[in-house]
Amino acid sequence: MHVHGLYMYMGIHVPYTLVLNFYQFKQKSVWLISRYHPVPMEARKAANATNLQARLAAFMFLLESGRLDKVPLDYCSSAEEITKAMDTAVIKMEGGSDHDLLSLDQTFHDE
């Protein structure tokens, strides 16, 4: 299925010449190549898989360490706990150490 057929399938009525002109105008652009060319797309898929693994590892750390057990989802009464859990997730996703988490705990105790 070519692009025009895809638009028709989605219910969007775009003239074929408009789609063709857009593609011909943008076919050498960095954005289009990085988004749809097979070689950069494979690299992007690999990077996405790595990022997904980092997010999963951070979530599993939070889950296994019990840091999510004490976080109610009522924002009005537990904004500090939610913020601390989110900060912990960011630290772990960015490759932070347990020392970084201790400094986070001290920051919240000081406030």
PDB file of N, CA and C in Angstrom:
ATOM      1  N   MET A   1       0.851  -1.175   0.000  1.00  0.00           N
ATOM      2  CA  MET A   1       0.000   0.000   0.000  1.00  0.00           C
ATOM      3  C   MET A   1       0.897   1.239   0.000  1.00  0.00           C
ATOM      4  N   HIS A   2       0.703   2.116  -0.930  1.00  0.00           N
ATOM      5  CA  HIS A   2       1.490   3.342  -0.985  1.00  0.00           C
ATOM      6  C   HIS A   2       0.868   4.398  -0.066  1.00  0.00           C
ATOM      7  N   VAL A   3       1.534   5.519   0.081  1.00  0.00           N
ATOM      8  CA  VAL A   3       1.134   6.541   1.041  1.00  0.00           C
ATOM      9  C   VAL A   3      -0.281   7.039   0.777  1.00  0.00           C
ATOM     10  N   HIS A   4      -0.607   7.278  -0.480  1.00  0.00           N
ATOM     11  CA  HIS A   4      -1.938   7.778  -0.799  1.00  0.00           C
ATOM     12  C   HIS A   4      -3.000   6.773  -0.380  1.00  0.00           C
ATOM     13  N   GLY A   5      -2.731   5.494  -0.622  1.00  0.00           N
ATOM     14  CA  GLY A   5      -3.670   4.453  -0.201  1.00  0.00           C
ATOM     15  C   GLY A   5      -3.817   4.416   1.308  1.00  0.00           C
ATOM     16  N   LEU A   6      -2.744   4.676   2.027  1.00  0.00           N
ATOM     17  CA  LEU A   6      -2.795   4.706   3.491  1.00  0.00           C
ATOM     18  C   LEU A   6      -3.682   5.846   3.971  1.00  0.00           C
ATOM     19  N   TYR A   7      -3.533   7.018   3.351  1.00  0.00           N
ATOM     20  CA  TYR A   7      -4.394   8.139   3.729  1.00  0.00           C
ATOM     21  C   TYR A   7      -5.854   7.826   3.436  1.00  0.00           C
ATOM     22  N   MET A   8      -6.120   7.201   2.308  1.00  0.00           N
ATOM     23  CA  MET A   8      -7.492   6.847   1.963  1.00  0.00           C
ATOM     24  C   MET A   8      -8.033   5.814   2.951  1.00  0.00           C
ATOM     25  N   TYR A   9      -7.185   4.862   3.368  1.00  0.00           N
ATOM     26  CA  TYR A   9      -7.584   3.845   4.334  1.00  0.00           C
ATOM     27  C   TYR A   9      -7.950   4.493   5.669  1.00  0.00           C
ATOM     28  N   MET A  10      -7.206   5.515   6.062  1.00  0.00           N
ATOM     29  CA  MET A  10      -7.461   6.199   7.324  1.00  0.00           C
ATOM     30  C   MET A  10      -8.635   7.172   7.215  1.00  0.00           C
ATOM     31  N   GLY A  11      -9.198   7.328   6.051  1.00  0.00           N
ATOM     32  CA  GLY A  11     -10.340   8.218   5.882  1.00  0.00           C
ATOM     33  C   GLY A  11      -9.954   9.664   5.647  1.00  0.00           C
ATOM     34  N   ILE A  12      -8.691   9.906   5.373  1.00  0.00           N
ATOM     35  CA  ILE A  12      -8.227  11.269   5.107  1.00  0.00           C
ATOM     36  C   ILE A  12      -8.130  11.424   3.599  1.00  0.00           C
ATOM     37  N   HIS A  13      -8.827  12.374   3.058  1.00  0.00           N
ATOM     38  CA  HIS A  13      -8.849  12.564   1.612  1.00  0.00           C
ATOM     39  C   HIS A  13      -7.817  13.620   1.237  1.00  0.00           C
ATOM     40  N   VAL A  14      -6.659  13.158   0.798  1.00  0.00           N
ATOM     41  CA  VAL A  14      -5.567  14.033   0.396  1.00  0.00           C
ATOM     42  C   VAL A  14      -5.285  13.746  -1.074  1.00  0.00           C
ATOM     43  N   PRO A  15      -5.230  14.759  -1.904  1.00  0.00           N
ATOM     44  CA  PRO A  15      -4.928  14.514  -3.325  1.00  0.00           C
ATOM     45  C   PRO A  15      -3.575  13.827  -3.483  1.00  0.00           C
ATOM     46  N   TYR A  16      -3.513  12.869  -4.363  1.00  0.00           N
ATOM     47  CA  TYR A  16      -2.293  12.096  -4.590  1.00  0.00           C
ATOM     48  C   TYR A  16      -1.134  12.991  -4.969  1.00  0.00           C
ATOM     49  N   THR A  17      -1.389  13.996  -5.793  1.00  0.00           N
ATOM     50  CA  THR A  17      -0.304  14.878  -6.229  1.00  0.00           C
ATOM     51  C   THR A  17       0.285  15.663  -5.059  1.00  0.00           C
ATOM     52  N   LEU A  18      -0.541  15.989  -4.078  1.00  0.00           N
ATOM     53  CA  LEU A  18      -0.043  16.701  -2.902  1.00  0.00           C
ATOM     54  C   LEU A  18       0.918  15.818  -2.107  1.00  0.00           C
ATOM     55  N   VAL A  19       0.562  14.568  -1.937  1.00  0.00           N
ATOM     56  CA  VAL A  19       1.428  13.630  -1.216  1.00  0.00           C
ATOM     57  C   VAL A  19       2.711  13.399  -1.994  1.00  0.00           C
ATOM     58  N   LEU A  20       2.610  13.219  -3.294  1.00  0.00           N
ATOM     59  CA  LEU A  20       3.779  12.986  -4.129  1.00  0.00           C
ATOM     60  C   LEU A  20       4.698  14.199  -4.128  1.00  0.00           C
ATOM     61  N   ASN A  21       4.143  15.385  -4.241  1.00  0.00           N
ATOM     62  CA  ASN A  21       4.961  16.603  -4.216  1.00  0.00           C
ATOM     63  C   ASN A  21       5.667  16.772  -2.875  1.00  0.00           C
ATOM     64  N   PHE A  22       4.966  16.488  -1.791  1.00  0.00           N
ATOM     65  CA  PHE A  22       5.583  16.583  -0.470  1.00  0.00           C
ATOM     66  C   PHE A  22       6.752  15.613  -0.356  1.00  0.00           C
ATOM     67  N   TYR A  23       6.543  14.375  -0.788  1.00  0.00           N
ATOM     68  CA  TYR A  23       7.614  13.386  -0.701  1.00  0.00           C
ATOM     69  C   TYR A  23       8.810  13.801  -1.549  1.00  0.00           C
ATOM     70  N   GLN A  24       8.574  14.223  -2.775  1.00  0.00           N
ATOM     71  CA  GLN A  24       9.676  14.613  -3.648  1.00  0.00           C
ATOM     72  C   GLN A  24      10.439  15.813  -3.083  1.00  0.00           C
ATOM     73  N   PHE A  25       9.728  16.727  -2.447  1.00  0.00           N
ATOM     74  CA  PHE A  25      10.373  17.894  -1.862  1.00  0.00           C
ATOM     75  C   PHE A  25      11.197  17.525  -0.632  1.00  0.00           C
ATOM     76  N   LYS A  26      10.698  16.576   0.168  1.00  0.00           N
ATOM     77  CA  LYS A  26      11.337  16.239   1.439  1.00  0.00           C
ATOM     78  C   LYS A  26      12.195  14.988   1.404  1.00  0.00           C
ATOM     79  N   GLN A  27      12.337  14.300   0.271  1.00  0.00           N
ATOM     80  CA  GLN A  27      12.985  12.995   0.252  1.00  0.00           C
ATOM     81  C   GLN A  27      14.450  13.024   0.679  1.00  0.00           C
ATOM     82  N   LYS A  28      15.105  14.132   0.577  1.00  0.00           N
ATOM     83  CA  LYS A  28      16.512  14.238   0.993  1.00  0.00           C
ATOM     84  C   LYS A  28      16.670  14.863   2.378  1.00  0.00           C
ATOM     85  N   SER A  29      15.577  15.190   3.029  1.00  0.00           N
ATOM     86  CA  SER A  29      15.681  15.857   4.326  1.00  0.00           C
ATOM     87  C   SER A  29      16.156  14.878   5.401  1.00  0.00           C
ATOM     88  N   VAL A  30      16.886  15.396   6.352  1.00  0.00           N
ATOM     89  CA  VAL A  30      17.423  14.582   7.438  1.00  0.00           C
ATOM     90  C   VAL A  30      16.290  13.964   8.244  1.00  0.00           C
ATOM     91  N   TRP A  31      15.234  14.719   8.476  1.00  0.00           N
ATOM     92  CA  TRP A  31      14.114  14.209   9.261  1.00  0.00           C
ATOM     93  C   TRP A  31      13.487  12.982   8.607  1.00  0.00           C
ATOM     94  N   LEU A  32      13.219  13.061   7.304  1.00  0.00           N
ATOM     95  CA  LEU A  32      12.572  11.949   6.606  1.00  0.00           C
ATOM     96  C   LEU A  32      13.484  10.733   6.550  1.00  0.00           C
ATOM     97  N   ILE A  33      14.755  10.957   6.292  1.00  0.00           N
ATOM     98  CA  ILE A  33      15.699   9.843   6.220  1.00  0.00           C
ATOM     99  C   ILE A  33      15.844   9.178   7.586  1.00  0.00           C
ATOM    100  N   SER A  34      15.995   9.978   8.632  1.00  0.00           N
ATOM    101  CA  SER A  34      16.163   9.383   9.958  1.00  0.00           C
ATOM    102  C   SER A  34      14.901   8.678  10.430  1.00  0.00           C
ATOM    103  N   ARG A  35      13.771   9.109   9.946  1.00  0.00           N
ATOM    104  CA  ARG A  35      12.498   8.540  10.382  1.00  0.00           C
ATOM    105  C   ARG A  35      12.112   7.284   9.605  1.00  0.00           C
ATOM    106  N   TYR A  36      12.388   7.239   8.308  1.00  0.00           N
ATOM    107  CA  TYR A  36      11.853   6.171   7.478  1.00  0.00           C
ATOM    108  C   TYR A  36      12.890   5.349   6.710  1.00  0.00           C
ATOM    109  N   HIS A  37      14.141   5.783   6.632  1.00  0.00           N
ATOM    110  CA  HIS A  37      15.144   4.989   5.932  1.00  0.00           C
ATOM    111  C   HIS A  37      15.479   3.772   6.786  1.00  0.00           C
ATOM    112  N   PRO A  38      15.644   2.597   6.174  1.00  0.00           N
ATOM    113  CA  PRO A  38      15.837   1.368   6.960  1.00  0.00           C
ATOM    114  C   PRO A  38      17.060   1.370   7.882  1.00  0.00           C
ATOM    115  N   VAL A  39      18.175   1.957   7.451  1.00  0.00           N
ATOM    116  CA  VAL A  39      19.384   1.898   8.285  1.00  0.00           C
ATOM    117  C   VAL A  39      19.243   2.744   9.550  1.00  0.00           C
ATOM    118  N   PRO A  40      18.894   4.050   9.460  1.00  0.00           N
ATOM    119  CA  PRO A  40      18.710   4.814  10.702  1.00  0.00           C
ATOM    120  C   PRO A  40      17.542   4.293  11.535  1.00  0.00           C
ATOM    121  N   MET A  41      16.546   3.719  10.890  1.00  0.00           N
ATOM    122  CA  MET A  41      15.401   3.202  11.634  1.00  0.00           C
ATOM    123  C   MET A  41      15.824   2.045  12.530  1.00  0.00           C
ATOM    124  N   GLU A  42      16.732   1.196  12.054  1.00  0.00           N
ATOM    125  CA  GLU A  42      17.230   0.086  12.883  1.00  0.00           C
ATOM    126  C   GLU A  42      18.002   0.623  14.093  1.00  0.00           C
ATOM    127  N   ALA A  43      18.791   1.667  13.880  1.00  0.00           N
ATOM    128  CA  ALA A  43      19.533   2.267  14.997  1.00  0.00           C
ATOM    129  C   ALA A  43      18.571   2.875  16.009  1.00  0.00           C
ATOM    130  N   ARG A  44      17.501   3.519  15.520  1.00  0.00           N
ATOM    131  CA  ARG A  44      16.518   4.109  16.417  1.00  0.00           C
ATOM    132  C   ARG A  44      15.772   3.027  17.197  1.00  0.00           C
ATOM    133  N   LYS A  45      15.463   1.911  16.531  1.00  0.00           N
ATOM    134  CA  LYS A  45      14.809   0.804  17.222  1.00  0.00           C
ATOM    135  C   LYS A  45      15.698   0.251  18.327  1.00  0.00           C
ATOM    136  N   ALA A  46      16.993   0.137  18.061  1.00  0.00           N
ATOM    137  CA  ALA A  46      17.926  -0.355  19.073  1.00  0.00           C
ATOM    138  C   ALA A  46      18.007   0.614  20.250  1.00  0.00           C
ATOM    139  N   ALA A  47      18.049   1.922  19.960  1.00  0.00           N
ATOM    140  CA  ALA A  47      18.091   2.918  21.033  1.00  0.00           C
ATOM    141  C   ALA A  47      16.805   2.890  21.845  1.00  0.00           C
ATOM    142  N   ASN A  48      15.665   2.730  21.179  1.00  0.00           N
ATOM    143  CA  ASN A  48      14.390   2.643  21.889  1.00  0.00           C
ATOM    144  C   ASN A  48      14.342   1.412  22.785  1.00  0.00           C
ATOM    145  N   ALA A  49      14.883   0.290  22.301  1.00  0.00           N
ATOM    146  CA  ALA A  49      14.906  -0.929  23.106  1.00  0.00           C
ATOM    147  C   ALA A  49      15.782  -0.738  24.337  1.00  0.00           C
ATOM    148  N   THR A  50      16.913  -0.053  24.172  1.00  0.00           N
ATOM    149  CA  THR A  50      17.792   0.225  25.312  1.00  0.00           C
ATOM    150  C   THR A  50      17.094   1.118  26.332  1.00  0.00           C
ATOM    151  N   ASN A  51      16.414   2.151  25.847  1.00  0.00           N
ATOM    152  CA  ASN A  51      15.682   3.047  26.745  1.00  0.00           C
ATOM    153  C   ASN A  51      14.557   2.311  27.458  1.00  0.00           C
ATOM    154  N   LEU A  52      13.887   1.421  26.756  1.00  0.00           N
ATOM    155  CA  LEU A  52      12.815   0.640  27.366  1.00  0.00           C
ATOM    156  C   LEU A  52      13.365  -0.248  28.477  1.00  0.00           C
ATOM    157  N   GLN A  53      14.509  -0.858  28.248  1.00  0.00           N
ATOM    158  CA  GLN A  53      15.130  -1.692  29.281  1.00  0.00           C
ATOM    159  C   GLN A  53      15.511  -0.858  30.504  1.00  0.00           C
ATOM    160  N   ALA A  54      15.996   0.367  30.278  1.00  0.00           N
ATOM    161  CA  ALA A  54      16.354   1.245  31.401  1.00  0.00           C
ATOM    162  C   ALA A  54      15.115   1.624  32.206  1.00  0.00           C
ATOM    163  N   ARG A  55      14.007   1.919  31.517  1.00  0.00           N
ATOM    164  CA  ARG A  55      12.770   2.254  32.224  1.00  0.00           C
ATOM    165  C   ARG A  55      12.240   1.061  32.998  1.00  0.00           C
ATOM    166  N   LEU A  56      12.328  -0.133  32.395  1.00  0.00           N
ATOM    167  CA  LEU A  56      11.880  -1.336  33.087  1.00  0.00           C
ATOM    168  C   LEU A  56      12.731  -1.604  34.320  1.00  0.00           C
ATOM    169  N   ALA A  57      14.041  -1.448  34.202  1.00  0.00           N
ATOM    170  CA  ALA A  57      14.931  -1.666  35.345  1.00  0.00           C
ATOM    171  C   ALA A  57      14.628  -0.672  36.460  1.00  0.00           C
ATOM    172  N   ALA A  58      14.360   0.585  36.102  1.00  0.00           N
ATOM    173  CA  ALA A  58      14.030   1.586  37.117  1.00  0.00           C
ATOM    174  C   ALA A  58      12.712   1.247  37.802  1.00  0.00           C
ATOM    175  N   PHE A  59      11.720   0.840  37.032  1.00  0.00           N
ATOM    176  CA  PHE A  59      10.431   0.472  37.619  1.00  0.00           C
ATOM    177  C   PHE A  59      10.570  -0.752  38.518  1.00  0.00           C
ATOM    178  N   MET A  60      11.320  -1.748  38.059  1.00  0.00           N
ATOM    179  CA  MET A  60      11.498  -2.957  38.872  1.00  0.00           C
ATOM    180  C   MET A  60      12.244  -2.624  40.163  1.00  0.00           C
ATOM    181  N   PHE A  61      13.208  -1.714  40.107  1.00  0.00           N
ATOM    182  CA  PHE A  61      13.897  -1.291  41.322  1.00  0.00           C
ATOM    183  C   PHE A  61      12.917  -0.658  42.295  1.00  0.00           C
ATOM    184  N   LEU A  62      12.078   0.245  41.785  1.00  0.00           N
ATOM    185  CA  LEU A  62      11.092   0.894  42.652  1.00  0.00           C
ATOM    186  C   LEU A  62      10.122  -0.119  43.238  1.00  0.00           C
ATOM    187  N   LEU A  63       9.702  -1.068  42.436  1.00  0.00           N
ATOM    188  CA  LEU A  63       8.744  -2.065  42.881  1.00  0.00           C
ATOM    189  C   LEU A  63       9.359  -3.001  43.917  1.00  0.00           C
ATOM    190  N   GLU A  64      10.556  -3.503  43.632  1.00  0.00           N
ATOM    191  CA  GLU A  64      11.199  -4.462  44.525  1.00  0.00           C
ATOM    192  C   GLU A  64      11.708  -3.833  45.816  1.00  0.00           C
ATOM    193  N   SER A  65      12.078  -2.556  45.762  1.00  0.00           N
ATOM    194  CA  SER A  65      12.586  -1.912  46.973  1.00  0.00           C
ATOM    195  C   SER A  65      11.456  -1.417  47.869  1.00  0.00           C
ATOM    196  N   GLY A  66      10.225  -1.516  47.397  1.00  0.00           N
ATOM    197  CA  GLY A  66       9.086  -1.097  48.205  1.00  0.00           C
ATOM    198  C   GLY A  66       8.832   0.391  48.201  1.00  0.00           C
ATOM    199  N   ARG A  67       9.516   1.107  47.329  1.00  0.00           N
ATOM    200  CA  ARG A  67       9.329   2.563  47.301  1.00  0.00           C
ATOM    201  C   ARG A  67       7.976   2.966  46.731  1.00  0.00           C
ATOM    202  N   LEU A  68       7.327   2.086  45.994  1.00  0.00           N
ATOM    203  CA  LEU A  68       6.009   2.393  45.457  1.00  0.00           C
ATOM    204  C   LEU A  68       4.891   1.998  46.415  1.00  0.00           C
ATOM    205  N   ASP A  69       5.215   1.167  47.402  1.00  0.00           N
ATOM    206  CA  ASP A  69       4.187   0.701  48.338  1.00  0.00           C
ATOM    207  C   ASP A  69       3.613   1.833  49.177  1.00  0.00           C
ATOM    208  N   LYS A  70       4.441   2.809  49.478  1.00  0.00           N
ATOM    209  CA  LYS A  70       4.002   3.897  50.353  1.00  0.00           C
ATOM    210  C   LYS A  70       3.587   5.151  49.592  1.00  0.00           C
ATOM    211  N   VAL A  71       3.276   4.998  48.299  1.00  0.00           N
ATOM    212  CA  VAL A  71       2.891   6.151  47.483  1.00  0.00           C
ATOM    213  C   VAL A  71       1.417   6.022  47.103  1.00  0.00           C
ATOM    214  N   PRO A  72       0.535   6.719  47.838  1.00  0.00           N
ATOM    215  CA  PRO A  72      -0.868   6.729  47.426  1.00  0.00           C
ATOM    216  C   PRO A  72      -1.039   7.616  46.197  1.00  0.00           C
ATOM    217  N   LEU A  73      -2.080   7.385  45.451  1.00  0.00           N
ATOM    218  CA  LEU A  73      -2.277   8.129  44.214  1.00  0.00           C
ATOM    219  C   LEU A  73      -3.116   9.387  44.377  1.00  0.00           C
ATOM    220  N   ASP A  74      -3.434   9.744  45.598  1.00  0.00           N
ATOM    221  CA  ASP A  74      -4.165  10.978  45.866  1.00  0.00           C
ATOM    222  C   ASP A  74      -3.156  12.115  45.934  1.00  0.00           C
ATOM    223  N   TYR A  75      -3.088  12.919  44.882  1.00  0.00           N
ATOM    224  CA  TYR A  75      -2.049  13.942  44.783  1.00  0.00           C
ATOM    225  C   TYR A  75      -2.168  15.002  45.863  1.00  0.00           C
ATOM    226  N   CYS A  76      -3.374  15.342  46.247  1.00  0.00           N
ATOM    227  CA  CYS A  76      -3.555  16.436  47.208  1.00  0.00           C
ATOM    228  C   CYS A  76      -2.892  16.131  48.546  1.00  0.00           C
ATOM    229  N   SER A  77      -2.988  14.894  48.988  1.00  0.00           N
ATOM    230  CA  SER A  77      -2.452  14.579  50.307  1.00  0.00           C
ATOM    231  C   SER A  77      -1.057  13.961  50.254  1.00  0.00           C
ATOM    232  N   SER A  78      -0.581  13.586  49.088  1.00  0.00           N
ATOM    233  CA  SER A  78       0.707  12.886  49.037  1.00  0.00           C
ATOM    234  C   SER A  78       1.597  13.392  47.912  1.00  0.00           C
ATOM    235  N   ALA A  79       1.607  14.656  47.676  1.00  0.00           N
ATOM    236  CA  ALA A  79       2.415  15.225  46.592  1.00  0.00           C
ATOM    237  C   ALA A  79       3.893  14.969  46.810  1.00  0.00           C
ATOM    238  N   GLU A  80       4.348  15.042  48.050  1.00  0.00           N
ATOM    239  CA  GLU A  80       5.774  14.841  48.329  1.00  0.00           C
ATOM    240  C   GLU A  80       6.199  13.410  48.021  1.00  0.00           C
ATOM    241  N   GLU A  81       5.370  12.420  48.401  1.00  0.00           N
ATOM    242  CA  GLU A  81       5.717  11.023  48.138  1.00  0.00           C
ATOM    243  C   GLU A  81       5.738  10.723  46.646  1.00  0.00           C
ATOM    244  N   ILE A  82       4.771  11.285  45.919  1.00  0.00           N
ATOM    245  CA  ILE A  82       4.720  11.070  44.469  1.00  0.00           C
ATOM    246  C   ILE A  82       5.933  11.712  43.805  1.00  0.00           C
ATOM    247  N   THR A  83       6.278  12.920  44.218  1.00  0.00           N
ATOM    248  CA  THR A  83       7.435  13.612  43.657  1.00  0.00           C
ATOM    249  C   THR A  83       8.712  12.845  43.942  1.00  0.00           C
ATOM    250  N   LYS A  84       8.839  12.325  45.153  1.00  0.00           N
ATOM    251  CA  LYS A  84      10.028  11.553  45.517  1.00  0.00           C
ATOM    252  C   LYS A  84      10.121  10.277  44.687  1.00  0.00           C
ATOM    253  N   ALA A  85       9.006   9.588  44.475  1.00  0.00           N
ATOM    254  CA  ALA A  85       9.013   8.364  43.662  1.00  0.00           C
ATOM    255  C   ALA A  85       9.403   8.677  42.216  1.00  0.00           C
ATOM    256  N   MET A  86       8.876   9.780  41.687  1.00  0.00           N
ATOM    257  CA  MET A  86       9.213  10.151  40.314  1.00  0.00           C
ATOM    258  C   MET A  86      10.684  10.560  40.200  1.00  0.00           C
ATOM    259  N   ASP A  87      11.195  11.290  41.190  1.00  0.00           N
ATOM    260  CA  ASP A  87      12.609  11.663  41.183  1.00  0.00           C
ATOM    261  C   ASP A  87      13.496  10.429  41.270  1.00  0.00           C
ATOM    262  N   THR A  88      13.093   9.453  42.079  1.00  0.00           N
ATOM    263  CA  THR A  88      13.846   8.212  42.186  1.00  0.00           C
ATOM    264  C   THR A  88      13.874   7.486  40.848  1.00  0.00           C
ATOM    265  N   ALA A  89      12.735   7.446  40.159  1.00  0.00           N
ATOM    266  CA  ALA A  89      12.678   6.796  38.852  1.00  0.00           C
ATOM    267  C   ALA A  89      13.609   7.480  37.857  1.00  0.00           C
ATOM    268  N   VAL A  90      13.630   8.805  37.865  1.00  0.00           N
ATOM    269  CA  VAL A  90      14.503   9.543  36.942  1.00  0.00           C
ATOM    270  C   VAL A  90      15.963   9.265  37.261  1.00  0.00           C
ATOM    271  N   ILE A  91      16.318   9.263  38.531  1.00  0.00           N
ATOM    272  CA  ILE A  91      17.704   8.990  38.923  1.00  0.00           C
ATOM    273  C   ILE A  91      18.130   7.613  38.449  1.00  0.00           C
ATOM    274  N   LYS A  92      17.272   6.612  38.639  1.00  0.00           N
ATOM    275  CA  LYS A  92      17.627   5.254  38.228  1.00  0.00           C
ATOM    276  C   LYS A  92      17.683   5.119  36.709  1.00  0.00           C
ATOM    277  N   MET A  93      16.794   5.800  35.991  1.00  0.00           N
ATOM    278  CA  MET A  93      16.812   5.714  34.524  1.00  0.00           C
ATOM    279  C   MET A  93      18.036   6.392  33.934  1.00  0.00           C
ATOM    280  N   GLU A  94      18.540   7.397  34.631  1.00  0.00           N
ATOM    281  CA  GLU A  94      19.731   8.096  34.150  1.00  0.00           C
ATOM    282  C   GLU A  94      21.017   7.433  34.623  1.00  0.00           C
ATOM    283  N   GLY A  95      20.895   6.273  35.285  1.00  0.00           N
ATOM    284  CA  GLY A  95      22.081   5.545  35.713  1.00  0.00           C
ATOM    285  C   GLY A  95      22.624   5.981  37.052  1.00  0.00           C
ATOM    286  N   GLY A  96      21.790   6.589  37.874  1.00  0.00           N
ATOM    287  CA  GLY A  96      22.232   7.052  39.186  1.00  0.00           C
ATOM    288  C   GLY A  96      22.524   5.891  40.134  1.00  0.00           C
ATOM    289  N   SER A  97      23.295   6.182  41.162  1.00  0.00           N
ATOM    290  CA  SER A  97      23.704   5.152  42.122  1.00  0.00           C
ATOM    291  C   SER A  97      22.854   5.243  43.391  1.00  0.00           C
ATOM    292  N   ASP A  98      23.108   4.308  44.304  1.00  0.00           N
ATOM    293  CA  ASP A  98      22.419   4.338  45.589  1.00  0.00           C
ATOM    294  C   ASP A  98      22.809   5.576  46.390  1.00  0.00           C
ATOM    295  N   HIS A  99      24.027   6.065  46.184  1.00  0.00           N
ATOM    296  CA  HIS A  99      24.461   7.300  46.848  1.00  0.00           C
ATOM    297  C   HIS A  99      23.594   8.481  46.398  1.00  0.00           C
ATOM    298  N   ASP A 100      23.254   8.514  45.126  1.00  0.00           N
ATOM    299  CA  ASP A 100      22.373   9.567  44.620  1.00  0.00           C
ATOM    300  C   ASP A 100      20.997   9.482  45.270  1.00  0.00           C
ATOM    301  N   LEU A 101      20.514   8.268  45.493  1.00  0.00           N
ATOM    302  CA  LEU A 101      19.215   8.098  46.144  1.00  0.00           C
ATOM    303  C   LEU A 101      19.264   8.541  47.598  1.00  0.00           C
ATOM    304  N   LEU A 102      20.413   8.316  48.266  1.00  0.00           N
ATOM    305  CA  LEU A 102      20.557   8.782  49.643  1.00  0.00           C
ATOM    306  C   LEU A 102      20.524  10.305  49.705  1.00  0.00           C
ATOM    307  N   SER A 103      21.172  10.952  48.736  1.00  0.00           N
ATOM    308  CA  SER A 103      21.140  12.422  48.723  1.00  0.00           C
ATOM    309  C   SER A 103      19.732  12.922  48.427  1.00  0.00           C
ATOM    310  N   LEU A 104      18.961  12.161  47.646  1.00  0.00           N
ATOM    311  CA  LEU A 104      17.566  12.520  47.409  1.00  0.00           C
ATOM    312  C   LEU A 104      16.764  12.411  48.705  1.00  0.00           C
ATOM    313  N   ASP A 105      16.992  11.352  49.464  1.00  0.00           N
ATOM    314  CA  ASP A 105      16.310  11.192  50.754  1.00  0.00           C
ATOM    315  C   ASP A 105      16.648  12.346  51.689  1.00  0.00           C
ATOM    316  N   GLN A 106      17.920  12.739  51.725  1.00  0.00           N
ATOM    317  CA  GLN A 106      18.326  13.840  52.594  1.00  0.00           C
ATOM    318  C   GLN A 106      17.685  15.147  52.153  1.00  0.00           C
ATOM    319  N   THR A 107      17.537  15.344  50.854  1.00  0.00           N
ATOM    320  CA  THR A 107      16.903  16.559  50.338  1.00  0.00           C
ATOM    321  C   THR A 107      15.462  16.656  50.822  1.00  0.00           C
ATOM    322  N   PHE A 108      14.740  15.532  50.783  1.00  0.00           N
ATOM    323  CA  PHE A 108      13.349  15.554  51.202  1.00  0.00           C
ATOM    324  C   PHE A 108      13.211  15.663  52.715  1.00  0.00           C
ATOM    325  N   HIS A 109      14.192  15.149  53.471  1.00  0.00           N
ATOM    326  CA  HIS A 109      14.150  15.279  54.921  1.00  0.00           C
ATOM    327  C   HIS A 109      14.476  16.693  55.361  1.00  0.00           C
ATOM    328  N   ASP A 110      15.334  17.378  54.605  1.00  0.00           N
ATOM    329  CA  ASP A 110      15.724  18.754  54.947  1.00  0.00           C
ATOM    330  C   ASP A 110      14.585  19.741  54.720  1.00  0.00           C
ATOM    331  N   GLU A 111      13.717  19.443  53.785  1.00  0.00           N
ATOM    332  CA  GLU A 111      12.629  20.383  53.449  1.00  0.00           C
ATOM    333  C   GLU A 111      11.533  20.361  54.440  1.00  0.00           C
TER     334      GLU A 111
END
